[in-house]
Protein backbone atom coordinates (compact mmCIF):
# COMPACT_ATOMS: atom_id res chain seq x y z
CA MET A 1 0.00 0.00 0.00
CA THR A 2 1.27 3.47 -0.86
CA GLU A 3 2.07 5.72 2.06
CA TYR A 4 0.98 9.34 1.87
CA ASP A 5 2.25 12.41 3.69
CA ALA A 6 -1.07 14.19 3.36
CA MET A 7 -4.58 13.84 2.04
CA LEU A 8 -6.25 16.71 0.21
CA PHE A 9 -10.02 17.11 0.05
CA ASP A 10 -11.37 19.36 -2.70
CA SER A 11 -14.92 20.57 -2.22
CA ASP A 12 -14.99 23.67 -4.40
CA GLY A 13 -14.15 22.26 -7.82
CA VAL A 14 -10.66 23.73 -8.12
CA LEU A 15 -8.88 20.37 -8.36
CA VAL A 16 -11.73 18.02 -9.18
CA GLU A 17 -14.81 18.83 -11.23
CA PRO A 18 -17.97 18.58 -9.15
CA PRO A 19 -20.38 15.79 -10.07
CA THR A 20 -23.06 16.60 -12.61
CA TYR A 21 -26.69 17.22 -11.70
CA ASP A 22 -28.21 13.92 -12.86
CA PRO A 23 -26.35 11.50 -10.56
CA MET A 24 -26.80 13.84 -7.61
CA ALA A 25 -30.51 14.20 -8.34
CA GLU A 26 -30.90 10.43 -8.61
CA ALA A 27 -29.05 9.97 -5.30
CA THR A 28 -31.45 12.49 -3.74
CA ARG A 29 -34.50 10.75 -5.21
CA GLU A 30 -33.18 7.42 -3.92
CA THR A 31 -32.76 8.97 -0.48
CA PHE A 32 -36.36 10.14 -0.46
CA ARG A 33 -37.53 6.70 -1.67
CA SER A 34 -35.50 4.94 1.04
CA MET A 35 -37.33 7.08 3.59
CA GLY A 36 -40.76 6.21 2.20
CA VAL A 37 -41.24 9.26 -0.03
CA GLU A 38 -42.03 8.17 -3.58
CA ASP A 39 -43.11 11.54 -4.97
CA ALA A 40 -40.70 14.21 -3.72
CA GLU A 41 -41.25 17.57 -5.37
CA GLY A 42 -38.80 18.51 -8.10
CA ALA A 43 -38.10 21.83 -6.39
CA HIS A 44 -37.07 19.98 -3.24
CA ILE A 45 -34.75 17.68 -5.18
CA ASP A 46 -33.22 20.73 -6.89
CA ALA A 47 -32.73 22.48 -3.54
CA VAL A 48 -30.95 19.46 -2.05
CA VAL A 49 -28.75 18.99 -5.12
CA ASP A 50 -27.73 22.66 -5.00
CA ASP A 51 -26.23 22.09 -1.58
CA GLU A 52 -24.09 25.25 -1.75
CA ALA A 53 -27.30 27.25 -1.42
CA LEU A 54 -28.97 24.79 0.94
CA THR A 55 -29.08 25.91 4.55
CA ALA A 56 -29.84 23.75 7.57
CA ASP A 57 -33.12 25.63 8.00
CA ARG A 58 -34.11 25.04 4.36
CA LEU A 59 -33.28 21.34 4.68
CA ALA A 60 -35.35 21.15 7.88
CA ASP A 61 -38.26 22.82 6.07
CA ILE A 62 -38.04 20.36 3.17
CA CYS A 63 -37.86 17.37 5.51
CA ALA A 64 -40.81 18.68 7.55
CA VAL A 65 -42.99 18.49 4.43
CA TYR A 66 -42.40 14.73 4.35
CA ASP A 67 -42.16 14.24 8.13
CA ILE A 68 -38.60 12.91 7.98
CA ASP A 69 -35.61 13.66 10.18
CA PRO A 70 -33.23 16.10 8.44
CA VAL A 71 -30.09 14.63 10.02
CA GLU A 72 -31.01 11.10 8.97
CA PHE A 73 -32.00 12.39 5.53
CA TRP A 74 -28.70 14.21 4.98
CA GLU A 75 -26.56 11.31 6.20
CA THR A 76 -28.45 8.93 3.92
CA ARG A 77 -28.23 11.33 1.00
CA GLU A 78 -24.48 11.66 1.45
CA ARG A 79 -24.08 7.86 1.36
CA TYR A 80 -26.14 7.56 -1.84
CA ASP A 81 -24.32 10.51 -3.42
CA GLU A 82 -20.92 9.09 -2.52
CA GLN A 83 -21.86 5.70 -3.95
CA SER A 84 -23.11 7.27 -7.19
CA GLN A 85 -19.81 9.12 -7.60
CA ILE A 86 -17.77 5.97 -6.96
CA GLU A 87 -19.88 4.12 -9.53
CA SER A 88 -19.36 6.96 -12.04
CA PHE A 89 -15.58 6.78 -11.58
CA HIS A 90 -15.60 3.00 -12.03
CA ALA A 91 -17.85 3.23 -15.10
CA GLY A 92 -15.57 5.83 -16.64
CA THR A 93 -18.34 8.43 -16.89
CA ARG A 94 -16.53 10.71 -14.46
CA SER A 95 -12.87 11.54 -14.15
CA ARG A 96 -10.69 13.47 -11.80
């Protein structure tokens, strides 16, 4: 195994292009479905995908509409989003 002196996380797109909308939207839809919400509003999916503009209060408001816990929702969404990005890298549809 390679040893590293440091690990760099890029969250602003300077080093790594951010993921595209479609996989993030699907991860968000899958999150809603996993929490029993089959028909989440498109505006709510868009708001969650645009997480730079999403505040904790806005997320709480969205989750309140569906009577789901915002912390559980966000943790689940992050897992689905992470998995979708890993799958995209493996499929060759996303690069560094």
